[in-house]
Structures are given as C-alpha cells and as structure tokens.
C-alpha cells in the first residue's frame, strides 16, 4: 500500500513534467484535486448529490456540497423548470457559458 505522501509526490512530479505544455495547471497539484473534480463531474452529470456523497464516503451531504458545484447549465435548467411559462420567450443571455458567466460576474 502506498502512503498519501508518496501519492502526492508522484502527482507533483508528473505535474512538473507537463507544466510547460499546460501553463494553466496550478502550482500546487495534490491528490485531493482529483477527488474534488470527480465529485463535481458526477454531480454535473446528474448523479444525485446523495449518491455522490456515498461514493466519497461522506457522513453528510453537507460535506459533499463543498465539493460539488452546479454548472451554469444546471442553474439555467433549474430556473427554466421553476418558471415554465417563460420557456416560450427567447433567452436574453448568450448561448456561451463563459460569456454568460462574465456578464453575471460569476467568473
């Protein structure tokens, strides 16, 4: 069995090797980033938060909520479902998630 410290060192080693090709890679790369990314991807792919929480071994879904952030598409869908009579209207936001986030000052 490998220690958490060794896993961290291996990840850091390979992150350093590819950093020139991937300049957006954070300076500090750690194993927990994989866990957090996986939780967010599961949640954003419509896996119920309760199931994501169980997969991660959390005792409470409150802990999982720290990890799993909704995508802008999820937020848009929730808004659409909450007000179905507005669905017939043409959207005022651009069909570009990054632009939408910039306009709403979400990123």
PDB file of N, CA and C in Angstrom:
ATOM      1  N   UNK A   1       0.835  -1.189   0.000  1.00  0.00           N
ATOM      2  CA  UNK A   1       0.000   0.000   0.000  1.00  0.00           C
ATOM      3  C   UNK A   1       0.876   1.247   0.000  1.00  0.00           C
ATOM      4  N   UNK A   2       0.488   2.222  -0.778  1.00  0.00           N
ATOM      5  CA  UNK A   2       1.278   3.436  -0.904  1.00  0.00           C
ATOM      6  C   UNK A   2       0.747   4.500   0.066  1.00  0.00           C
ATOM      7  N   UNK A   3       1.649   5.247   0.656  1.00  0.00           N
ATOM      8  CA  UNK A   3       1.243   6.287   1.601  1.00  0.00           C
ATOM      9  C   UNK A   3       0.697   7.501   0.847  1.00  0.00           C
ATOM     10  N   UNK A   4      -0.154   8.289   1.510  1.00  0.00           N
ATOM     11  CA  UNK A   4      -0.661   9.512   0.881  1.00  0.00           C
ATOM     12  C   UNK A   4       0.460  10.466   0.456  1.00  0.00           C
ATOM     13  N   UNK A   5       1.520  10.509   1.254  1.00  0.00           N
ATOM     14  CA  UNK A   5       2.662  11.367   0.910  1.00  0.00           C
ATOM     15  C   UNK A   5       3.312  10.959  -0.393  1.00  0.00           C
ATOM     16  N   UNK A   6       3.458   9.631  -0.611  1.00  0.00           N
ATOM     17  CA  UNK A   6       4.053   9.160  -1.865  1.00  0.00           C
ATOM     18  C   UNK A   6       3.159   9.469  -3.060  1.00  0.00           C
ATOM     19  N   UNK A   7       1.853   9.306  -2.892  1.00  0.00           N
ATOM     20  CA  UNK A   7       0.923   9.631  -3.972  1.00  0.00           C
ATOM     21  C   UNK A   7       1.065  11.110  -4.321  1.00  0.00           C
ATOM     22  N   UNK A   8       1.124  11.963  -3.319  1.00  0.00           N
ATOM     23  CA  UNK A   8       1.295  13.400  -3.547  1.00  0.00           C
ATOM     24  C   UNK A   8       2.584  13.718  -4.279  1.00  0.00           C
ATOM     25  N   UNK A   9       3.667  13.054  -3.905  1.00  0.00           N
ATOM     26  CA  UNK A   9       4.957  13.291  -4.569  1.00  0.00           C
ATOM     27  C   UNK A   9       4.918  12.854  -6.034  1.00  0.00           C
ATOM     28  N   UNK A  10       4.281  11.730  -6.309  1.00  0.00           N
ATOM     29  CA  UNK A  10       4.177  11.236  -7.697  1.00  0.00           C
ATOM     30  C   UNK A  10       3.361  12.211  -8.542  1.00  0.00           C
ATOM     31  N   UNK A  11       2.238  12.660  -8.003  1.00  0.00           N
ATOM     32  CA  UNK A  11       1.397  13.618  -8.743  1.00  0.00           C
ATOM     33  C   UNK A  11       2.166  14.909  -8.998  1.00  0.00           C
ATOM     34  N   UNK A  12       2.868  15.418  -7.998  1.00  0.00           N
ATOM     35  CA  UNK A  12       3.653  16.647  -8.161  1.00  0.00           C
ATOM     36  C   UNK A  12       4.748  16.470  -9.205  1.00  0.00           C
ATOM     37  N   UNK A  13       5.387  15.319  -9.180  1.00  0.00           N
ATOM     38  CA  UNK A  13       6.462  15.036 -10.137  1.00  0.00           C
ATOM     39  C   UNK A  13       5.945  15.116 -11.569  1.00  0.00           C
ATOM     40  N   UNK A  14       4.835  14.443 -11.841  1.00  0.00           N
ATOM     41  CA  UNK A  14       4.307  14.430 -13.204  1.00  0.00           C
ATOM     42  C   UNK A  14       3.680  15.768 -13.578  1.00  0.00           C
ATOM     43  N   UNK A  15       3.126  16.466 -12.618  1.00  0.00           N
ATOM     44  CA  UNK A  15       2.590  17.806 -12.900  1.00  0.00           C
ATOM     45  C   UNK A  15       3.736  18.728 -13.323  1.00  0.00           C
ATOM     46  N   UNK A  16       4.869  18.632 -12.641  1.00  0.00           N
ATOM     47  CA  UNK A  16       6.025  19.447 -13.009  1.00  0.00           C
ATOM     48  C   UNK A  16       6.513  19.129 -14.418  1.00  0.00           C
ATOM     49  N   UNK A  17       6.433  17.854 -14.800  1.00  0.00           N
ATOM     50  CA  UNK A  17       6.900  17.443 -16.131  1.00  0.00           C
ATOM     51  C   UNK A  17       6.030  17.988 -17.262  1.00  0.00           C
ATOM     52  N   UNK A  18       4.740  18.197 -17.007  1.00  0.00           N
ATOM     53  CA  UNK A  18       3.852  18.655 -18.077  1.00  0.00           C
ATOM     54  C   UNK A  18       3.477  20.134 -17.962  1.00  0.00           C
ATOM     55  N   UNK A  19       3.985  20.811 -16.965  1.00  0.00           N
ATOM     56  CA  UNK A  19       3.600  22.198 -16.716  1.00  0.00           C
ATOM     57  C   UNK A  19       3.867  23.110 -17.906  1.00  0.00           C
ATOM     58  N   UNK A  20       4.962  22.910 -18.640  1.00  0.00           N
ATOM     59  CA  UNK A  20       5.242  23.750 -19.812  1.00  0.00           C
ATOM     60  C   UNK A  20       4.174  23.609 -20.880  1.00  0.00           C
ATOM     61  N   UNK A  21       3.631  22.405 -21.049  1.00  0.00           N
ATOM     62  CA  UNK A  21       2.585  22.160 -22.046  1.00  0.00           C
ATOM     63  C   UNK A  21       1.218  22.616 -21.549  1.00  0.00           C
ATOM     64  N   UNK A  22       1.059  22.725 -20.238  1.00  0.00           N
ATOM     65  CA  UNK A  22      -0.224  23.083 -19.633  1.00  0.00           C
ATOM     66  C   UNK A  22      -0.008  24.215 -18.621  1.00  0.00           C
ATOM     67  N   UNK A  23       0.179  25.440 -19.122  1.00  0.00           N
ATOM     68  CA  UNK A  23       0.512  26.558 -18.227  1.00  0.00           C
ATOM     69  C   UNK A  23      -0.586  26.907 -17.217  1.00  0.00           C
ATOM     70  N   UNK A  24      -1.834  26.470 -17.461  1.00  0.00           N
ATOM     71  CA  UNK A  24      -2.917  26.762 -16.516  1.00  0.00           C
ATOM     72  C   UNK A  24      -2.929  25.811 -15.322  1.00  0.00           C
ATOM     73  N   UNK A  25      -2.080  24.809 -15.344  1.00  0.00           N
ATOM     74  CA  UNK A  25      -2.003  23.859 -14.238  1.00  0.00           C
ATOM     75  C   UNK A  25      -1.577  24.605 -12.977  1.00  0.00           C
ATOM     76  N   UNK A  26      -2.294  24.413 -11.873  1.00  0.00           N
ATOM     77  CA  UNK A  26      -1.930  25.127 -10.638  1.00  0.00           C
ATOM     78  C   UNK A  26      -0.513  24.780 -10.184  1.00  0.00           C
ATOM     79  N   UNK A  27       0.091  25.701  -9.458  1.00  0.00           N
ATOM     80  CA  UNK A  27       1.445  25.464  -8.929  1.00  0.00           C
ATOM     81  C   UNK A  27       1.461  24.278  -7.980  1.00  0.00           C
ATOM     82  N   UNK A  28       0.448  24.174  -7.153  1.00  0.00           N
ATOM     83  CA  UNK A  28       0.350  23.064  -6.202  1.00  0.00           C
ATOM     84  C   UNK A  28      -0.721  22.104  -6.699  1.00  0.00           C
ATOM     85  N   UNK A  29      -0.314  20.904  -7.075  1.00  0.00           N
ATOM     86  CA  UNK A  29      -1.250  19.863  -7.503  1.00  0.00           C
ATOM     87  C   UNK A  29      -1.209  18.773  -6.440  1.00  0.00           C
ATOM     88  N   UNK A  30      -2.377  18.379  -5.965  1.00  0.00           N
ATOM     89  CA  UNK A  30      -2.423  17.396  -4.892  1.00  0.00           C
ATOM     90  C   UNK A  30      -3.530  16.381  -5.161  1.00  0.00           C
ATOM     91  N   UNK A  31      -3.465  15.202  -4.544  1.00  0.00           N
ATOM     92  CA  UNK A  31      -4.438  14.140  -4.796  1.00  0.00           C
ATOM     93  C   UNK A  31      -5.883  14.553  -4.554  1.00  0.00           C
ATOM     94  N   UNK A  32      -6.106  15.429  -3.603  1.00  0.00           N
ATOM     95  CA  UNK A  32      -7.461  15.833  -3.271  1.00  0.00           C
ATOM     96  C   UNK A  32      -8.150  16.533  -4.449  1.00  0.00           C
ATOM     97  N   UNK A  33      -7.374  17.134  -5.339  1.00  0.00           N
ATOM     98  CA  UNK A  33      -7.938  17.800  -6.520  1.00  0.00           C
ATOM     99  C   UNK A  33      -8.685  16.799  -7.399  1.00  0.00           C
ATOM    100  N   UNK A  34      -8.168  15.577  -7.494  1.00  0.00           N
ATOM    101  CA  UNK A  34      -8.826  14.550  -8.298  1.00  0.00           C
ATOM    102  C   UNK A  34     -10.175  14.173  -7.690  1.00  0.00           C
ATOM    103  N   UNK A  35     -10.189  14.072  -6.380  1.00  0.00           N
ATOM    104  CA  UNK A  35     -11.420  13.725  -5.663  1.00  0.00           C
ATOM    105  C   UNK A  35     -12.476  14.809  -5.863  1.00  0.00           C
ATOM    106  N   UNK A  36     -12.059  16.041  -5.708  1.00  0.00           N
ATOM    107  CA  UNK A  36     -12.973  17.175  -5.854  1.00  0.00           C
ATOM    108  C   UNK A  36     -13.495  17.271  -7.295  1.00  0.00           C
ATOM    109  N   UNK A  37     -12.607  17.103  -8.265  1.00  0.00           N
ATOM    110  CA  UNK A  37     -13.005  17.155  -9.674  1.00  0.00           C
ATOM    111  C   UNK A  37     -13.979  16.035 -10.004  1.00  0.00           C
ATOM    112  N   UNK A  38     -13.708  14.845  -9.508  1.00  0.00           N
ATOM    113  CA  UNK A  38     -14.606  13.708  -9.770  1.00  0.00           C
ATOM    114  C   UNK A  38     -15.983  13.956  -9.166  1.00  0.00           C
ATOM    115  N   UNK A  39     -16.019  14.467  -7.947  1.00  0.00           N
ATOM    116  CA  UNK A  39     -17.304  14.752  -7.300  1.00  0.00           C
ATOM    117  C   UNK A  39     -18.088  15.780  -8.108  1.00  0.00           C
ATOM    118  N   UNK A  40     -17.427  16.833  -8.547  1.00  0.00           N
ATOM    119  CA  UNK A  40     -18.102  17.866  -9.331  1.00  0.00           C
ATOM    120  C   UNK A  40     -18.593  17.308 -10.652  1.00  0.00           C
ATOM    121  N   UNK A  41     -17.766  16.510 -11.339  1.00  0.00           N
ATOM    122  CA  UNK A  41     -18.180  15.927 -12.618  1.00  0.00           C
ATOM    123  C   UNK A  41     -19.381  14.999 -12.449  1.00  0.00           C
ATOM    124  N   UNK A  42     -19.381  14.187 -11.413  1.00  0.00           N
ATOM    125  CA  UNK A  42     -20.522  13.304 -11.166  1.00  0.00           C
ATOM    126  C   UNK A  42     -21.789  14.124 -10.960  1.00  0.00           C
ATOM    127  N   UNK A  43     -21.696  15.132 -10.110  1.00  0.00           N
ATOM    128  CA  UNK A  43     -22.856  15.962  -9.799  1.00  0.00           C
ATOM    129  C   UNK A  43     -23.357  16.696 -11.051  1.00  0.00           C
ATOM    130  N   UNK A  44     -22.438  17.243 -11.834  1.00  0.00           N
ATOM    131  CA  UNK A  44     -22.819  17.980 -13.031  1.00  0.00           C
ATOM    132  C   UNK A  44     -23.335  17.062 -14.138  1.00  0.00           C
ATOM    133  N   UNK A  45     -23.139  15.760 -13.973  1.00  0.00           N
ATOM    134  CA  UNK A  45     -23.685  14.788 -14.921  1.00  0.00           C
ATOM    135  C   UNK A  45     -24.932  14.118 -14.355  1.00  0.00           C
ATOM    136  N   UNK A  46     -25.618  14.873 -13.503  1.00  0.00           N
ATOM    137  CA  UNK A  46     -26.927  14.494 -12.975  1.00  0.00           C
ATOM    138  C   UNK A  46     -26.937  13.289 -12.044  1.00  0.00           C
ATOM    139  N   UNK A  47     -25.825  13.007 -11.396  1.00  0.00           N
ATOM    140  CA  UNK A  47     -25.816  12.000 -10.337  1.00  0.00           C
ATOM    141  C   UNK A  47     -26.288  12.709  -9.068  1.00  0.00           C
ATOM    142  N   UNK A  48     -27.273  12.131  -8.403  1.00  0.00           N
ATOM    143  CA  UNK A  48     -27.823  12.768  -7.206  1.00  0.00           C
ATOM    144  C   UNK A  48     -26.730  13.017  -6.172  1.00  0.00           C
ATOM    145  N   UNK A  49     -26.842  14.149  -5.509  1.00  0.00           N
ATOM    146  CA  UNK A  49     -25.847  14.535  -4.517  1.00  0.00           C
ATOM    147  C   UNK A  49     -25.699  13.485  -3.424  1.00  0.00           C
ATOM    148  N   UNK A  50     -26.800  12.859  -3.034  1.00  0.00           N
ATOM    149  CA  UNK A  50     -26.755  11.801  -2.012  1.00  0.00           C
ATOM    150  C   UNK A  50     -25.863  10.647  -2.471  1.00  0.00           C
ATOM    151  N   UNK A  51     -25.962  10.279  -3.744  1.00  0.00           N
ATOM    152  CA  UNK A  51     -25.128   9.188  -4.269  1.00  0.00           C
ATOM    153  C   UNK A  51     -23.662   9.601  -4.339  1.00  0.00           C
ATOM    154  N   UNK A  52     -23.410  10.824  -4.768  1.00  0.00           N
ATOM    155  CA  UNK A  52     -22.026  11.320  -4.810  1.00  0.00           C
ATOM    156  C   UNK A  52     -21.450  11.299  -3.402  1.00  0.00           C
ATOM    157  N   UNK A  53     -22.232  11.728  -2.437  1.00  0.00           N
ATOM    158  CA  UNK A  53     -21.795  11.739  -1.046  1.00  0.00           C
ATOM    159  C   UNK A  53     -21.425  10.337  -0.564  1.00  0.00           C
ATOM    160  N   UNK A  54     -22.253   9.368  -0.909  1.00  0.00           N
ATOM    161  CA  UNK A  54     -21.977   7.976  -0.504  1.00  0.00           C
ATOM    162  C   UNK A  54     -20.715   7.459  -1.180  1.00  0.00           C
ATOM    163  N   UNK A  55     -20.537   7.777  -2.474  1.00  0.00           N
ATOM    164  CA  UNK A  55     -19.331   7.329  -3.201  1.00  0.00           C
ATOM    165  C   UNK A  55     -18.065   7.881  -2.556  1.00  0.00           C
ATOM    166  N   UNK A  56     -18.150   9.111  -2.055  1.00  0.00           N
ATOM    167  CA  UNK A  56     -16.987   9.740  -1.432  1.00  0.00           C
ATOM    168  C   UNK A  56     -16.794   9.313   0.015  1.00  0.00           C
ATOM    169  N   UNK A  57     -17.804   8.628   0.581  1.00  0.00           N
ATOM    170  CA  UNK A  57     -17.705   8.176   1.960  1.00  0.00           C
ATOM    171  C   UNK A  57     -17.988   9.261   2.977  1.00  0.00           C
ATOM    172  N   UNK A  58     -18.714  10.298   2.560  1.00  0.00           N
ATOM    173  CA  UNK A  58     -19.045  11.372   3.492  1.00  0.00           C
ATOM    174  C   UNK A  58     -20.209  10.949   4.391  1.00  0.00           C
ATOM    175  N   UNK A  59     -20.147  11.346   5.626  1.00  0.00           N
ATOM    176  CA  UNK A  59     -21.229  11.049   6.570  1.00  0.00           C
ATOM    177  C   UNK A  59     -22.426  11.962   6.324  1.00  0.00           C
ATOM    178  N   UNK A  60     -22.177  13.100   5.703  1.00  0.00           N
ATOM    179  CA  UNK A  60     -23.242  14.075   5.475  1.00  0.00           C
ATOM    180  C   UNK A  60     -23.123  14.650   4.066  1.00  0.00           C
ATOM    181  N   UNK A  61     -24.272  14.912   3.442  1.00  0.00           N
ATOM    182  CA  UNK A  61     -24.237  15.548   2.116  1.00  0.00           C
ATOM    183  C   UNK A  61     -23.763  16.988   2.219  1.00  0.00           C
ATOM    184  N   UNK A  62     -23.811  17.571   3.419  1.00  0.00           N
ATOM    185  CA  UNK A  62     -23.310  18.938   3.594  1.00  0.00           C
ATOM    186  C   UNK A  62     -21.826  19.019   3.238  1.00  0.00           C
ATOM    187  N   UNK A  63     -21.077  17.995   3.585  1.00  0.00           N
ATOM    188  CA  UNK A  63     -19.654  17.954   3.238  1.00  0.00           C
ATOM    189  C   UNK A  63     -19.499  17.906   1.725  1.00  0.00           C
ATOM    190  N   UNK A  64     -20.326  17.121   1.065  1.00  0.00           N
ATOM    191  CA  UNK A  64     -20.245  16.956  -0.385  1.00  0.00           C
ATOM    192  C   UNK A  64     -20.597  18.262  -1.094  1.00  0.00           C
ATOM    193  N   UNK A  65     -21.479  19.040  -0.515  1.00  0.00           N
ATOM    194  CA  UNK A  65     -21.867  20.312  -1.138  1.00  0.00           C
ATOM    195  C   UNK A  65     -20.678  21.246  -1.308  1.00  0.00           C
ATOM    196  N   UNK A  66     -19.673  21.111  -0.460  1.00  0.00           N
ATOM    197  CA  UNK A  66     -18.463  21.919  -0.593  1.00  0.00           C
ATOM    198  C   UNK A  66     -17.743  21.561  -1.893  1.00  0.00           C
ATOM    199  N   UNK A  67     -17.784  20.293  -2.268  1.00  0.00           N
ATOM    200  CA  UNK A  67     -17.101  19.809  -3.466  1.00  0.00           C
ATOM    201  C   UNK A  67     -17.889  20.067  -4.739  1.00  0.00           C
ATOM    202  N   UNK A  68     -19.148  19.652  -4.723  1.00  0.00           N
ATOM    203  CA  UNK A  68     -19.941  19.564  -5.942  1.00  0.00           C
ATOM    204  C   UNK A  68     -20.630  20.894  -6.241  1.00  0.00           C
ATOM    205  N   UNK A  69     -20.126  21.573  -7.225  1.00  0.00           N
ATOM    206  CA  UNK A  69     -20.688  22.858  -7.621  1.00  0.00           C
ATOM    207  C   UNK A  69     -21.560  22.671  -8.853  1.00  0.00           C
ATOM    208  N   UNK A  70     -22.741  23.287  -8.879  1.00  0.00           N
ATOM    209  CA  UNK A  70     -23.578  23.166 -10.069  1.00  0.00           C
ATOM    210  C   UNK A  70     -22.981  23.940 -11.241  1.00  0.00           C
ATOM    211  N   UNK A  71     -23.184  23.414 -12.435  1.00  0.00           N
ATOM    212  CA  UNK A  71     -22.742  24.125 -13.634  1.00  0.00           C
ATOM    213  C   UNK A  71     -23.753  25.223 -13.940  1.00  0.00           C
ATOM    214  N   UNK A  72     -23.373  26.144 -14.803  1.00  0.00           N
ATOM    215  CA  UNK A  72     -24.308  27.187 -15.212  1.00  0.00           C
ATOM    216  C   UNK A  72     -25.501  26.578 -15.940  1.00  0.00           C
ATOM    217  N   UNK A  73     -25.269  25.485 -16.669  1.00  0.00           N
ATOM    218  CA  UNK A  73     -26.364  24.802 -17.355  1.00  0.00           C
ATOM    219  C   UNK A  73     -27.368  24.247 -16.347  1.00  0.00           C
ATOM    220  N   UNK A  74     -26.872  23.704 -15.240  1.00  0.00           N
ATOM    221  CA  UNK A  74     -27.764  23.190 -14.196  1.00  0.00           C
ATOM    222  C   UNK A  74     -28.596  24.331 -13.600  1.00  0.00           C
ATOM    223  N   UNK A  75     -27.961  25.480 -13.381  1.00  0.00           N
ATOM    224  CA  UNK A  75     -28.675  26.627 -12.834  1.00  0.00           C
ATOM    225  C   UNK A  75     -29.735  27.119 -13.816  1.00  0.00           C
ATOM    226  N   UNK A  76     -29.377  27.177 -15.090  1.00  0.00           N
ATOM    227  CA  UNK A  76     -30.319  27.604 -16.127  1.00  0.00           C
ATOM    228  C   UNK A  76     -31.509  26.647 -16.190  1.00  0.00           C
ATOM    229  N   UNK A  77     -31.240  25.341 -16.176  1.00  0.00           N
ATOM    230  CA  UNK A  77     -32.321  24.349 -16.223  1.00  0.00           C
ATOM    231  C   UNK A  77     -33.252  24.480 -15.019  1.00  0.00           C
ATOM    232  N   UNK A  78     -32.679  24.722 -13.855  1.00  0.00           N
ATOM    233  CA  UNK A  78     -33.499  24.887 -12.652  1.00  0.00           C
ATOM    234  C   UNK A  78     -34.391  26.122 -12.782  1.00  0.00           C
ATOM    235  N   UNK A  79     -33.833  27.192 -13.304  1.00  0.00           N
ATOM    236  CA  UNK A  79     -34.628  28.408 -13.499  1.00  0.00           C
ATOM    237  C   UNK A  79     -35.738  28.166 -14.518  1.00  0.00           C
ATOM    238  N   UNK A  80     -35.411  27.443 -15.594  1.00  0.00           N
ATOM    239  CA  UNK A  80     -36.418  27.135 -16.623  1.00  0.00           C
ATOM    240  C   UNK A  80     -37.556  26.291 -16.043  1.00  0.00           C
ATOM    241  N   UNK A  81     -37.204  25.307 -15.219  1.00  0.00           N
ATOM    242  CA  UNK A  81     -38.228  24.438 -14.622  1.00  0.00           C
ATOM    243  C   UNK A  81     -39.086  25.199 -13.615  1.00  0.00           C
ATOM    244  N   UNK A  82     -38.507  26.187 -12.954  1.00  0.00           N
ATOM    245  CA  UNK A  82     -39.246  26.912 -11.927  1.00  0.00           C
ATOM    246  C   UNK A  82     -40.246  27.900 -12.514  1.00  0.00           C
ATOM    247  N   UNK A  83     -40.077  28.246 -13.770  1.00  0.00           N
ATOM    248  CA  UNK A  83     -40.949  29.236 -14.386  1.00  0.00           C
ATOM    249  C   UNK A  83     -41.261  28.809 -15.819  1.00  0.00           C
ATOM    250  N   UNK A  84     -42.027  27.722 -16.006  1.00  0.00           N
ATOM    251  CA  UNK A  84     -42.235  27.156 -17.340  1.00  0.00           C
ATOM    252  C   UNK A  84     -42.893  28.108 -18.332  1.00  0.00           C
ATOM    253  N   UNK A  85     -43.702  29.053 -17.859  1.00  0.00           N
ATOM    254  CA  UNK A  85     -44.358  29.960 -18.803  1.00  0.00           C
ATOM    255  C   UNK A  85     -43.361  30.884 -19.508  1.00  0.00           C
ATOM    256  N   UNK A  86     -42.187  31.057 -18.926  1.00  0.00           N
ATOM    257  CA  UNK A  86     -41.174  31.891 -19.566  1.00  0.00           C
ATOM    258  C   UNK A  86     -40.361  31.123 -20.608  1.00  0.00           C
ATOM    259  N   UNK A  87     -40.512  29.795 -20.640  1.00  0.00           N
ATOM    260  CA  UNK A  87     -39.728  28.996 -21.578  1.00  0.00           C
ATOM    261  C   UNK A  87     -39.999  29.359 -23.031  1.00  0.00           C
ATOM    262  N   UNK A  88     -41.180  29.899 -23.324  1.00  0.00           N
ATOM    263  CA  UNK A  88     -41.529  30.261 -24.695  1.00  0.00           C
ATOM    264  C   UNK A  88     -40.791  31.520 -25.143  1.00  0.00           C
ATOM    265  N   UNK A  89     -40.307  32.305 -24.193  1.00  0.00           N
ATOM    266  CA  UNK A  89     -39.586  33.527 -24.543  1.00  0.00           C
ATOM    267  C   UNK A  89     -38.196  33.202 -25.063  1.00  0.00           C
ATOM    268  N   UNK A  90     -37.716  34.059 -25.931  1.00  0.00           N
ATOM    269  CA  UNK A  90     -36.347  33.932 -26.446  1.00  0.00           C
ATOM    270  C   UNK A  90     -35.385  34.325 -25.328  1.00  0.00           C
ATOM    271  N   UNK A  91     -34.356  33.509 -25.048  1.00  0.00           N
ATOM    272  CA  UNK A  91     -33.431  33.853 -23.959  1.00  0.00           C
ATOM    273  C   UNK A  91     -32.672  35.143 -24.253  1.00  0.00           C
ATOM    274  N   UNK A  92     -32.437  35.902 -23.206  1.00  0.00           N
ATOM    275  CA  UNK A  92     -31.703  37.156 -23.339  1.00  0.00           C
ATOM    276  C   UNK A  92     -30.197  36.949 -23.191  1.00  0.00           C
ATOM    277  N   UNK A  93     -29.796  35.804 -22.642  1.00  0.00           N
ATOM    278  CA  UNK A  93     -28.376  35.554 -22.418  1.00  0.00           C
ATOM    279  C   UNK A  93     -27.775  34.894 -23.651  1.00  0.00           C
ATOM    280  N   UNK A  94     -26.480  35.078 -23.833  1.00  0.00           N
ATOM    281  CA  UNK A  94     -25.809  34.439 -24.975  1.00  0.00           C
ATOM    282  C   UNK A  94     -25.749  32.918 -24.785  1.00  0.00           C
ATOM    283  N   UNK A  95     -25.593  32.210 -25.868  1.00  0.00           N
ATOM    284  CA  UNK A  95     -25.506  30.744 -25.825  1.00  0.00           C
ATOM    285  C   UNK A  95     -24.063  30.306 -25.571  1.00  0.00           C
ATOM    286  N   UNK A  96     -23.362  31.065 -24.770  1.00  0.00           N
ATOM    287  CA  UNK A  96     -21.962  30.821 -24.469  1.00  0.00           C
ATOM    288  C   UNK A  96     -21.808  30.906 -22.955  1.00  0.00           C
ATOM    289  N   UNK A  97     -21.527  29.771 -22.320  1.00  0.00           N
ATOM    290  CA  UNK A  97     -21.491  29.720 -20.859  1.00  0.00           C
ATOM    291  C   UNK A  97     -20.462  30.685 -20.281  1.00  0.00           C
ATOM    292  N   UNK A  98     -19.290  30.790 -20.905  1.00  0.00           N
ATOM    293  CA  UNK A  98     -18.264  31.697 -20.385  1.00  0.00           C
ATOM    294  C   UNK A  98     -18.717  33.159 -20.470  1.00  0.00           C
ATOM    295  N   UNK A  99     -19.344  33.517 -21.582  1.00  0.00           N
ATOM    296  CA  UNK A  99     -19.837  34.886 -21.741  1.00  0.00           C
ATOM    297  C   UNK A  99     -20.956  35.174 -20.747  1.00  0.00           C
ATOM    298  N   UNK A 100     -21.849  34.207 -20.570  1.00  0.00           N
ATOM    299  CA  UNK A 100     -22.934  34.346 -19.609  1.00  0.00           C
ATOM    300  C   UNK A 100     -22.370  34.546 -18.199  1.00  0.00           C
ATOM    301  N   UNK A 101     -21.382  33.756 -17.850  1.00  0.00           N
ATOM    302  CA  UNK A 101     -20.760  33.872 -16.525  1.00  0.00           C
ATOM    303  C   UNK A 101     -20.087  35.230 -16.365  1.00  0.00           C
ATOM    304  N   UNK A 102     -19.447  35.708 -17.427  1.00  0.00           N
ATOM    305  CA  UNK A 102     -18.776  37.024 -17.364  1.00  0.00           C
ATOM    306  C   UNK A 102     -19.805  38.124 -17.155  1.00  0.00           C
ATOM    307  N   UNK A 103     -20.900  38.087 -17.911  1.00  0.00           N
ATOM    308  CA  UNK A 103     -21.941  39.106 -17.800  1.00  0.00           C
ATOM    309  C   UNK A 103     -22.538  39.124 -16.388  1.00  0.00           C
ATOM    310  N   UNK A 104     -22.744  37.938 -15.829  1.00  0.00           N
ATOM    311  CA  UNK A 104     -23.346  37.819 -14.489  1.00  0.00           C
ATOM    312  C   UNK A 104     -22.315  37.932 -13.376  1.00  0.00           C
ATOM    313  N   UNK A 105     -21.071  38.166 -13.757  1.00  0.00           N
ATOM    314  CA  UNK A 105     -19.961  38.295 -12.792  1.00  0.00           C
ATOM    315  C   UNK A 105     -19.818  37.064 -11.906  1.00  0.00           C
ATOM    316  N   UNK A 106     -20.022  35.872 -12.541  1.00  0.00           N
ATOM    317  CA  UNK A 106     -19.888  34.605 -11.815  1.00  0.00           C
ATOM    318  C   UNK A 106     -18.474  34.058 -11.903  1.00  0.00           C
ATOM    319  N   UNK A 107     -17.717  34.562 -12.853  1.00  0.00           N
ATOM    320  CA  UNK A 107     -16.316  34.110 -13.005  1.00  0.00           C
ATOM    321  C   UNK A 107     -15.431  35.289 -13.218  1.00  0.00           C
TER     322      UNK A 107
END
